[in-house]
Amino acid sequence: MSDLWRNLPLFGRERVDESGVERGWASELAAVQSAADDALLRRPDAEAAAAFEAALRPGRPTRSGKPRTVKLAELDRAVFAYLDLAERLGIEPVLPERASGAVALGRAAAAPTEIRAVIAGHALRATDAGWEFGRGPVLEATAVKLLEFLRGRSLVAPRPAASDTPPEEHS
């Protein structure tokens, strides 16, 4: 009986090789930095580039020479610095899906009371990215619009998903 637990799958999912999963958000941070580099190649702006770089803290190797783990707070700073950069350059931001989803989830969990009141009891879905989180009726918007709302920079709340909206009554 004591070995019975060994045969039960954890979380009800199939076991897979997770040895290639990296710790932290280094690849997402690199993708955001690459998106910023691409934007600056299209629309060079030395002041905007300096402002973006100032918002980021450069990664430093640990004493063992291994790269340090990038925390979600650093990814959050990079994502919003990139959104500010894109706005300043007048370009449409292109965010990596995993980066935008992770930052949105972190922001939703730590949102001020006013924002949490809007999203409470709902799932949030990015209409242009492959992520959704939460439970309840779906509120949706583009990833950037959701991030700007969760950041408190936009007063435009996500809208109920079309499939979650009750049909209008006709008189």
N, C-alpha and C. Protein backbone atom coordinates (compact mmCIF):
# COMPACT_ATOMS: atom_id res chain seq x y z
N MET A 1 0.81 -1.19 0.00
CA MET A 1 0.00 0.00 0.00
C MET A 1 0.86 1.26 0.00
N SER A 2 2.00 1.27 0.66
CA SER A 2 2.80 2.48 0.76
C SER A 2 3.42 2.88 -0.58
N ASP A 3 3.58 1.95 -1.54
CA ASP A 3 4.14 2.27 -2.86
C ASP A 3 3.08 2.61 -3.89
N LEU A 4 1.82 2.55 -3.53
CA LEU A 4 0.73 2.82 -4.45
C LEU A 4 0.82 4.22 -5.05
N TRP A 5 1.23 5.21 -4.28
CA TRP A 5 1.32 6.59 -4.76
C TRP A 5 2.28 6.74 -5.93
N ARG A 6 3.28 5.87 -6.06
CA ARG A 6 4.26 5.98 -7.15
C ARG A 6 3.63 5.74 -8.52
N ASN A 7 2.51 5.05 -8.58
CA ASN A 7 1.86 4.75 -9.84
C ASN A 7 0.81 5.79 -10.23
N LEU A 8 0.56 6.75 -9.36
CA LEU A 8 -0.44 7.77 -9.66
C LEU A 8 0.23 8.93 -10.40
N PRO A 9 -0.32 9.34 -11.55
CA PRO A 9 0.28 10.48 -12.27
C PRO A 9 0.04 11.77 -11.50
N LEU A 10 1.04 12.61 -11.44
CA LEU A 10 0.89 13.89 -10.77
C LEU A 10 0.03 14.82 -11.60
N PHE A 11 -0.89 15.49 -10.98
CA PHE A 11 -1.77 16.45 -11.63
C PHE A 11 -2.58 15.84 -12.78
N GLY A 12 -2.68 14.54 -12.84
CA GLY A 12 -3.49 13.89 -13.87
C GLY A 12 -2.97 14.08 -15.28
N ARG A 13 -1.67 14.26 -15.43
CA ARG A 13 -1.14 14.43 -16.78
C ARG A 13 -0.03 13.42 -17.03
N GLU A 14 0.23 13.23 -18.28
CA GLU A 14 1.25 12.29 -18.71
C GLU A 14 2.63 12.80 -18.33
N ARG A 15 3.51 11.90 -17.96
CA ARG A 15 4.88 12.30 -17.64
C ARG A 15 5.63 12.59 -18.93
N VAL A 16 6.37 13.69 -18.93
CA VAL A 16 7.17 14.07 -20.10
C VAL A 16 8.55 14.50 -19.63
N ASP A 17 9.48 14.48 -20.56
CA ASP A 17 10.84 14.92 -20.26
C ASP A 17 10.85 16.44 -20.16
N GLU A 18 11.15 16.95 -18.98
CA GLU A 18 11.19 18.39 -18.77
C GLU A 18 12.61 18.89 -18.54
N SER A 19 13.59 18.10 -18.95
CA SER A 19 14.98 18.48 -18.72
C SER A 19 15.38 19.71 -19.52
N GLY A 20 14.68 20.00 -20.62
CA GLY A 20 15.00 21.15 -21.44
C GLY A 20 14.31 22.43 -21.02
N VAL A 21 13.44 22.36 -20.02
CA VAL A 21 12.73 23.55 -19.55
C VAL A 21 13.71 24.41 -18.76
N GLU A 22 13.82 25.66 -19.16
CA GLU A 22 14.76 26.52 -18.46
C GLU A 22 14.10 27.18 -17.26
N ARG A 23 14.93 27.51 -16.32
CA ARG A 23 14.47 28.15 -15.10
C ARG A 23 14.45 29.66 -15.33
N GLY A 24 13.39 30.30 -14.98
CA GLY A 24 13.31 31.74 -15.13
C GLY A 24 12.80 32.16 -16.50
N TRP A 25 13.01 33.43 -16.81
CA TRP A 25 12.42 34.04 -17.99
C TRP A 25 13.46 34.61 -18.95
N ALA A 26 14.64 34.01 -18.98
CA ALA A 26 15.75 34.53 -19.79
C ALA A 26 15.42 34.55 -21.28
N SER A 27 14.84 33.49 -21.80
CA SER A 27 14.56 33.46 -23.25
C SER A 27 13.47 34.47 -23.62
N GLU A 28 12.49 34.67 -22.74
CA GLU A 28 11.45 35.65 -23.00
C GLU A 28 12.01 37.07 -22.93
N LEU A 29 12.91 37.31 -21.98
CA LEU A 29 13.56 38.61 -21.88
C LEU A 29 14.38 38.88 -23.14
N ALA A 30 15.10 37.87 -23.61
CA ALA A 30 15.89 38.03 -24.83
C ALA A 30 14.99 38.32 -26.02
N ALA A 31 13.82 37.69 -26.09
CA ALA A 31 12.89 37.93 -27.20
C ALA A 31 12.33 39.34 -27.16
N VAL A 32 12.05 39.86 -25.97
CA VAL A 32 11.57 41.24 -25.85
C VAL A 32 12.67 42.21 -26.26
N GLN A 33 13.89 41.94 -25.84
CA GLN A 33 15.01 42.80 -26.23
C GLN A 33 15.23 42.75 -27.74
N SER A 34 15.05 41.58 -28.33
CA SER A 34 15.18 41.45 -29.78
C SER A 34 14.09 42.24 -30.51
N ALA A 35 12.86 42.21 -29.97
CA ALA A 35 11.76 42.99 -30.56
C ALA A 35 12.08 44.48 -30.48
N ALA A 36 12.67 44.91 -29.38
CA ALA A 36 13.06 46.32 -29.23
C ALA A 36 14.16 46.67 -30.23
N ASP A 37 15.13 45.78 -30.39
CA ASP A 37 16.20 46.01 -31.37
C ASP A 37 15.64 46.14 -32.78
N ASP A 38 14.70 45.26 -33.12
CA ASP A 38 14.07 45.31 -34.45
C ASP A 38 13.33 46.64 -34.64
N ALA A 39 12.62 47.07 -33.62
CA ALA A 39 11.87 48.34 -33.70
C ALA A 39 12.84 49.51 -33.91
N LEU A 40 13.95 49.48 -33.21
CA LEU A 40 14.92 50.57 -33.34
C LEU A 40 15.66 50.53 -34.67
N LEU A 41 15.77 49.36 -35.28
CA LEU A 41 16.35 49.28 -36.62
C LEU A 41 15.43 49.92 -37.64
N ARG A 42 14.12 49.71 -37.44
CA ARG A 42 13.14 50.31 -38.37
C ARG A 42 13.00 51.81 -38.17
N ARG A 43 13.05 52.24 -36.92
CA ARG A 43 12.88 53.67 -36.59
C ARG A 43 13.94 54.07 -35.58
N PRO A 44 15.15 54.36 -36.04
CA PRO A 44 16.23 54.71 -35.10
C PRO A 44 15.87 55.95 -34.26
N ASP A 45 16.16 55.85 -32.98
CA ASP A 45 15.91 56.95 -32.04
C ASP A 45 16.83 56.71 -30.85
N ALA A 46 17.93 57.45 -30.79
CA ALA A 46 18.94 57.24 -29.76
C ALA A 46 18.38 57.46 -28.36
N GLU A 47 17.54 58.48 -28.19
CA GLU A 47 16.96 58.75 -26.87
C GLU A 47 16.03 57.63 -26.43
N ALA A 48 15.23 57.13 -27.37
CA ALA A 48 14.31 56.03 -27.05
C ALA A 48 15.10 54.77 -26.70
N ALA A 49 16.18 54.53 -27.43
CA ALA A 49 17.02 53.36 -27.15
C ALA A 49 17.64 53.47 -25.77
N ALA A 50 18.11 54.66 -25.42
CA ALA A 50 18.71 54.87 -24.10
C ALA A 50 17.68 54.69 -22.99
N ALA A 51 16.46 55.18 -23.22
CA ALA A 51 15.40 55.03 -22.22
C ALA A 51 15.05 53.55 -22.02
N PHE A 52 15.01 52.79 -23.13
CA PHE A 52 14.71 51.37 -23.04
C PHE A 52 15.80 50.66 -22.25
N GLU A 53 17.04 50.92 -22.58
CA GLU A 53 18.16 50.28 -21.89
C GLU A 53 18.19 50.65 -20.41
N ALA A 54 17.87 51.89 -20.11
CA ALA A 54 17.87 52.34 -18.71
C ALA A 54 16.81 51.61 -17.90
N ALA A 55 15.71 51.20 -18.54
CA ALA A 55 14.64 50.50 -17.84
C ALA A 55 15.02 49.06 -17.51
N LEU A 56 16.02 48.55 -18.20
CA LEU A 56 16.45 47.16 -17.98
C LEU A 56 17.71 47.14 -17.11
N ARG A 57 17.81 46.10 -16.34
CA ARG A 57 19.03 45.88 -15.58
C ARG A 57 19.79 44.77 -16.28
N PRO A 58 21.00 45.03 -16.73
CA PRO A 58 21.71 43.99 -17.48
C PRO A 58 21.93 42.74 -16.64
N GLY A 59 21.80 41.59 -17.30
CA GLY A 59 22.02 40.32 -16.62
C GLY A 59 23.49 40.13 -16.30
N ARG A 60 23.75 39.69 -15.09
CA ARG A 60 25.13 39.44 -14.69
C ARG A 60 25.29 37.96 -14.38
N PRO A 61 26.40 37.38 -14.81
CA PRO A 61 26.60 35.97 -14.47
C PRO A 61 26.80 35.80 -12.97
N THR A 62 26.45 34.64 -12.47
CA THR A 62 26.69 34.34 -11.06
C THR A 62 28.17 34.09 -10.87
N ARG A 63 28.60 33.94 -9.64
CA ARG A 63 30.02 33.69 -9.37
C ARG A 63 30.49 32.39 -10.00
N SER A 64 29.59 31.45 -10.18
CA SER A 64 29.98 30.18 -10.79
C SER A 64 30.11 30.30 -12.31
N GLY A 65 29.79 31.48 -12.85
CA GLY A 65 29.89 31.67 -14.29
C GLY A 65 28.60 31.33 -15.03
N LYS A 66 27.64 30.76 -14.32
CA LYS A 66 26.36 30.43 -14.94
C LYS A 66 25.51 31.69 -15.02
N PRO A 67 24.68 31.80 -16.07
CA PRO A 67 23.80 32.97 -16.14
C PRO A 67 22.81 32.94 -14.98
N ARG A 68 22.49 34.10 -14.48
CA ARG A 68 21.55 34.18 -13.37
C ARG A 68 20.13 33.94 -13.87
N THR A 69 19.26 33.60 -12.96
CA THR A 69 17.87 33.38 -13.29
C THR A 69 17.17 34.72 -13.44
N VAL A 70 16.47 34.90 -14.55
CA VAL A 70 15.72 36.14 -14.78
C VAL A 70 14.36 35.99 -14.09
N LYS A 71 14.06 36.94 -13.24
CA LYS A 71 12.80 36.91 -12.49
C LYS A 71 11.68 37.58 -13.28
N LEU A 72 10.46 37.26 -12.91
CA LEU A 72 9.29 37.82 -13.58
C LEU A 72 9.27 39.35 -13.49
N ALA A 73 9.73 39.90 -12.39
CA ALA A 73 9.76 41.37 -12.25
C ALA A 73 10.63 42.01 -13.32
N GLU A 74 11.73 41.36 -13.68
CA GLU A 74 12.60 41.88 -14.73
C GLU A 74 11.93 41.79 -16.09
N LEU A 75 11.25 40.68 -16.33
CA LEU A 75 10.51 40.53 -17.58
C LEU A 75 9.41 41.57 -17.65
N ASP A 76 8.72 41.81 -16.55
CA ASP A 76 7.68 42.83 -16.47
C ASP A 76 8.25 44.20 -16.88
N ARG A 77 9.37 44.57 -16.29
CA ARG A 77 10.01 45.86 -16.64
C ARG A 77 10.34 45.93 -18.12
N ALA A 78 10.87 44.84 -18.65
CA ALA A 78 11.27 44.82 -20.07
C ALA A 78 10.05 44.93 -20.98
N VAL A 79 8.98 44.22 -20.65
CA VAL A 79 7.77 44.26 -21.48
C VAL A 79 7.20 45.68 -21.51
N PHE A 80 7.08 46.32 -20.35
CA PHE A 80 6.51 47.66 -20.33
C PHE A 80 7.46 48.71 -20.90
N ALA A 81 8.76 48.49 -20.75
CA ALA A 81 9.73 49.39 -21.40
C ALA A 81 9.61 49.26 -22.92
N TYR A 82 9.39 48.04 -23.40
CA TYR A 82 9.21 47.83 -24.83
C TYR A 82 7.92 48.47 -25.32
N LEU A 83 6.83 48.34 -24.56
CA LEU A 83 5.57 48.97 -24.95
C LEU A 83 5.72 50.49 -25.00
N ASP A 84 6.45 51.06 -24.04
CA ASP A 84 6.72 52.50 -24.06
C ASP A 84 7.55 52.87 -25.29
N LEU A 85 8.54 52.05 -25.60
CA LEU A 85 9.38 52.29 -26.76
C LEU A 85 8.55 52.26 -28.05
N ALA A 86 7.71 51.24 -28.19
CA ALA A 86 6.87 51.12 -29.39
C ALA A 86 5.95 52.32 -29.54
N GLU A 87 5.39 52.78 -28.42
CA GLU A 87 4.52 53.96 -28.47
C GLU A 87 5.31 55.19 -28.91
N ARG A 88 6.48 55.36 -28.34
CA ARG A 88 7.31 56.51 -28.69
C ARG A 88 7.72 56.49 -30.16
N LEU A 89 8.01 55.28 -30.68
CA LEU A 89 8.42 55.15 -32.08
C LEU A 89 7.24 55.15 -33.04
N GLY A 90 6.03 55.03 -32.49
CA GLY A 90 4.83 55.01 -33.33
C GLY A 90 4.68 53.72 -34.13
N ILE A 91 5.09 52.60 -33.50
CA ILE A 91 4.97 51.31 -34.18
C ILE A 91 4.06 50.38 -33.38
N GLU A 92 3.53 49.39 -34.07
CA GLU A 92 2.71 48.37 -33.42
C GLU A 92 3.62 47.39 -32.68
N PRO A 93 3.47 47.24 -31.35
CA PRO A 93 4.35 46.33 -30.62
C PRO A 93 4.07 44.87 -30.98
N VAL A 94 5.12 44.09 -31.00
CA VAL A 94 5.01 42.65 -31.26
C VAL A 94 5.65 41.94 -30.07
N LEU A 95 4.81 41.44 -29.18
CA LEU A 95 5.29 40.80 -27.96
C LEU A 95 5.29 39.28 -28.10
N PRO A 96 6.30 38.62 -27.57
CA PRO A 96 6.26 37.15 -27.51
C PRO A 96 5.08 36.72 -26.63
N GLU A 97 4.34 35.71 -27.08
CA GLU A 97 3.13 35.29 -26.36
C GLU A 97 3.40 34.89 -24.93
N ARG A 98 4.44 34.09 -24.71
CA ARG A 98 4.71 33.62 -23.35
C ARG A 98 5.08 34.78 -22.44
N ALA A 99 5.81 35.75 -22.96
CA ALA A 99 6.19 36.92 -22.16
C ALA A 99 4.96 37.75 -21.80
N SER A 100 4.10 38.02 -22.78
CA SER A 100 2.92 38.82 -22.49
C SER A 100 1.97 38.10 -21.53
N GLY A 101 1.82 36.80 -21.69
CA GLY A 101 0.96 36.03 -20.80
C GLY A 101 1.47 35.97 -19.37
N ALA A 102 2.77 35.76 -19.22
CA ALA A 102 3.36 35.70 -17.88
C ALA A 102 3.23 37.04 -17.17
N VAL A 103 3.52 38.12 -17.87
CA VAL A 103 3.44 39.44 -17.27
C VAL A 103 1.98 39.78 -16.94
N ALA A 104 1.06 39.44 -17.82
CA ALA A 104 -0.36 39.70 -17.55
C ALA A 104 -0.83 38.94 -16.31
N LEU A 105 -0.44 37.68 -16.20
CA LEU A 105 -0.83 36.89 -15.03
C LEU A 105 -0.25 37.50 -13.76
N GLY A 106 1.02 37.89 -13.81
CA GLY A 106 1.64 38.52 -12.64
C GLY A 106 0.96 39.82 -12.27
N ARG A 107 0.64 40.63 -13.28
CA ARG A 107 -0.04 41.91 -13.02
C ARG A 107 -1.44 41.69 -12.48
N ALA A 108 -2.16 40.70 -13.01
CA ALA A 108 -3.52 40.42 -12.53
C ALA A 108 -3.50 40.00 -11.06
N ALA A 109 -2.50 39.21 -10.69
CA ALA A 109 -2.41 38.74 -9.30
C ALA A 109 -2.07 39.87 -8.33
N ALA A 110 -1.34 40.89 -8.81
CA ALA A 110 -0.91 41.97 -7.94
C ALA A 110 -1.63 43.29 -8.24
N ALA A 111 -2.71 43.23 -8.98
CA ALA A 111 -3.41 44.45 -9.42
C ALA A 111 -4.02 45.20 -8.24
N PRO A 112 -4.14 46.52 -8.40
CA PRO A 112 -4.83 47.31 -7.38
C PRO A 112 -6.31 46.90 -7.30
N THR A 113 -6.93 47.28 -6.22
CA THR A 113 -8.32 46.90 -5.95
C THR A 113 -9.26 47.25 -7.10
N GLU A 114 -9.10 48.42 -7.69
CA GLU A 114 -10.01 48.85 -8.77
C GLU A 114 -9.94 47.89 -9.96
N ILE A 115 -8.75 47.47 -10.32
CA ILE A 115 -8.58 46.57 -11.46
C ILE A 115 -9.04 45.17 -11.09
N ARG A 116 -8.70 44.73 -9.89
CA ARG A 116 -9.14 43.39 -9.46
C ARG A 116 -10.65 43.31 -9.38
N ALA A 117 -11.31 44.41 -9.06
CA ALA A 117 -12.78 44.42 -9.02
C ALA A 117 -13.36 44.15 -10.41
N VAL A 118 -12.71 44.65 -11.44
CA VAL A 118 -13.19 44.46 -12.81
C VAL A 118 -12.97 43.02 -13.26
N ILE A 119 -11.81 42.45 -12.93
CA ILE A 119 -11.47 41.12 -13.46
C ILE A 119 -11.88 39.97 -12.55
N ALA A 120 -12.32 40.27 -11.32
CA ALA A 120 -12.70 39.22 -10.38
C ALA A 120 -13.80 38.34 -10.96
N GLY A 121 -13.64 37.04 -10.81
CA GLY A 121 -14.65 36.09 -11.27
C GLY A 121 -14.67 35.90 -12.76
N HIS A 122 -13.62 36.34 -13.45
CA HIS A 122 -13.55 36.21 -14.91
C HIS A 122 -12.25 35.55 -15.33
N ALA A 123 -12.26 35.00 -16.52
CA ALA A 123 -11.04 34.57 -17.19
C ALA A 123 -10.63 35.70 -18.11
N LEU A 124 -9.33 35.89 -18.28
CA LEU A 124 -8.82 36.89 -19.22
C LEU A 124 -8.22 36.17 -20.41
N ARG A 125 -8.56 36.64 -21.61
CA ARG A 125 -8.05 36.01 -22.84
C ARG A 125 -7.49 37.08 -23.76
N ALA A 126 -6.30 36.80 -24.28
CA ALA A 126 -5.70 37.67 -25.29
C ALA A 126 -6.19 37.18 -26.65
N THR A 127 -6.84 38.06 -27.39
CA THR A 127 -7.42 37.67 -28.68
C THR A 127 -6.36 37.44 -29.75
N ASP A 128 -5.16 37.97 -29.54
CA ASP A 128 -4.11 37.84 -30.55
C ASP A 128 -2.92 37.03 -30.07
N ALA A 129 -3.06 36.36 -28.94
CA ALA A 129 -1.99 35.53 -28.40
C ALA A 129 -2.61 34.23 -27.88
N GLY A 130 -1.80 33.25 -27.69
CA GLY A 130 -2.32 31.94 -27.29
C GLY A 130 -2.42 31.74 -25.80
N TRP A 131 -2.93 32.72 -25.08
CA TRP A 131 -3.06 32.51 -23.64
C TRP A 131 -4.40 33.01 -23.10
N GLU A 132 -4.77 32.37 -22.01
CA GLU A 132 -5.99 32.68 -21.27
C GLU A 132 -5.77 32.16 -19.86
N PHE A 133 -6.23 32.88 -18.87
CA PHE A 133 -6.13 32.39 -17.50
C PHE A 133 -7.32 32.89 -16.70
N GLY A 134 -7.59 32.20 -15.61
CA GLY A 134 -8.69 32.55 -14.73
C GLY A 134 -9.89 31.65 -14.96
N ARG A 135 -10.90 31.87 -14.16
CA ARG A 135 -12.13 31.09 -14.26
C ARG A 135 -13.31 32.03 -14.29
N GLY A 136 -14.32 31.60 -15.01
CA GLY A 136 -15.53 32.39 -15.10
C GLY A 136 -15.74 32.89 -16.51
N PRO A 137 -16.71 33.78 -16.69
CA PRO A 137 -16.96 34.34 -18.01
C PRO A 137 -15.69 35.02 -18.53
N VAL A 138 -15.48 34.93 -19.83
CA VAL A 138 -14.25 35.44 -20.43
C VAL A 138 -14.34 36.92 -20.75
N LEU A 139 -13.31 37.65 -20.34
CA LEU A 139 -13.10 39.04 -20.76
C LEU A 139 -11.92 39.00 -21.70
N GLU A 140 -12.03 39.69 -22.85
CA GLU A 140 -10.95 39.60 -23.81
C GLU A 140 -10.59 40.94 -24.42
N ALA A 141 -9.37 40.99 -24.89
CA ALA A 141 -8.81 42.14 -25.61
C ALA A 141 -7.49 41.65 -26.19
N THR A 142 -6.81 42.50 -26.94
CA THR A 142 -5.49 42.10 -27.41
C THR A 142 -4.55 42.03 -26.21
N ALA A 143 -3.45 41.34 -26.38
CA ALA A 143 -2.48 41.20 -25.29
C ALA A 143 -2.01 42.57 -24.81
N VAL A 144 -1.69 43.46 -25.73
CA VAL A 144 -1.21 44.79 -25.36
C VAL A 144 -2.28 45.55 -24.60
N LYS A 145 -3.52 45.51 -25.06
CA LYS A 145 -4.60 46.23 -24.37
C LYS A 145 -4.84 45.66 -22.98
N LEU A 146 -4.76 44.32 -22.84
CA LEU A 146 -4.90 43.72 -21.52
C LEU A 146 -3.77 44.17 -20.60
N LEU A 147 -2.54 44.17 -21.12
CA LEU A 147 -1.39 44.59 -20.32
C LEU A 147 -1.53 46.05 -19.89
N GLU A 148 -1.93 46.91 -20.80
CA GLU A 148 -2.08 48.33 -20.47
C GLU A 148 -3.18 48.53 -19.42
N PHE A 149 -4.26 47.75 -19.49
CA PHE A 149 -5.31 47.85 -18.48
C PHE A 149 -4.80 47.35 -17.13
N LEU A 150 -4.14 46.18 -17.13
CA LEU A 150 -3.64 45.62 -15.89
C LEU A 150 -2.55 46.50 -15.26
N ARG A 151 -1.85 47.24 -16.10
CA ARG A 151 -0.82 48.17 -15.64
C ARG A 151 -1.45 49.40 -15.00
N GLY A 152 -2.71 49.68 -15.34
CA GLY A 152 -3.38 50.87 -14.84
C GLY A 152 -3.16 52.08 -15.73
N ARG A 153 -2.61 51.85 -16.90
CA ARG A 153 -2.34 52.95 -17.83
C ARG A 153 -3.55 53.24 -18.73
N SER A 154 -4.39 52.25 -18.91
CA SER A 154 -5.58 52.41 -19.74
C SER A 154 -6.81 52.19 -18.87
N LEU A 155 -7.82 52.99 -19.12
CA LEU A 155 -9.09 52.83 -18.40
C LEU A 155 -10.06 51.97 -19.18
N VAL A 156 -9.64 51.48 -20.35
CA VAL A 156 -10.50 50.65 -21.18
C VAL A 156 -10.38 49.20 -20.71
N ALA A 157 -11.43 48.71 -20.08
CA ALA A 157 -11.44 47.34 -19.56
C ALA A 157 -11.67 46.35 -20.69
N PRO A 158 -11.18 45.12 -20.51
CA PRO A 158 -11.47 44.10 -21.51
C PRO A 158 -12.97 43.84 -21.57
N ARG A 159 -13.44 43.45 -22.75
CA ARG A 159 -14.87 43.22 -22.98
C ARG A 159 -15.24 41.75 -22.85
N PRO A 160 -16.50 41.46 -22.52
CA PRO A 160 -16.93 40.06 -22.52
C PRO A 160 -16.73 39.44 -23.91
N ALA A 161 -16.31 38.20 -23.93
CA ALA A 161 -16.13 37.49 -25.19
C ALA A 161 -17.48 37.36 -25.88
N ALA A 162 -17.47 37.39 -27.20
CA ALA A 162 -18.71 37.31 -27.97
C ALA A 162 -19.51 36.07 -27.61
N SER A 163 -18.84 34.95 -27.38
CA SER A 163 -19.54 33.71 -27.06
C SER A 163 -20.11 33.73 -25.64
N ASP A 164 -19.61 34.63 -24.78
CA ASP A 164 -20.09 34.72 -23.41
C ASP A 164 -21.15 35.79 -23.22
N THR A 165 -21.45 36.56 -24.28
CA THR A 165 -22.43 37.63 -24.19
C THR A 165 -23.82 37.05 -24.43
N PRO A 166 -24.75 37.30 -23.52
CA PRO A 166 -26.11 36.78 -23.74
C PRO A 166 -26.74 37.45 -24.93
N PRO A 167 -27.56 36.73 -25.69
CA PRO A 167 -28.20 37.33 -26.85
C PRO A 167 -29.14 38.45 -26.44
N GLU A 168 -29.19 39.49 -27.28
CA GLU A 168 -30.07 40.63 -26.98
C GLU A 168 -31.52 40.24 -27.26
N GLU A 169 -32.39 40.77 -26.44
CA GLU A 169 -33.82 40.52 -26.65
C GLU A 169 -34.35 41.54 -27.65
N HIS A 170 -35.16 41.08 -28.58
CA HIS A 170 -35.77 41.98 -29.58
C HIS A 170 -37.24 42.15 -29.22
N SER A 171 -37.70 43.38 -29.20
CA SER A 171 -39.11 43.64 -28.87
C SER A 171 -39.91 43.83 -30.12
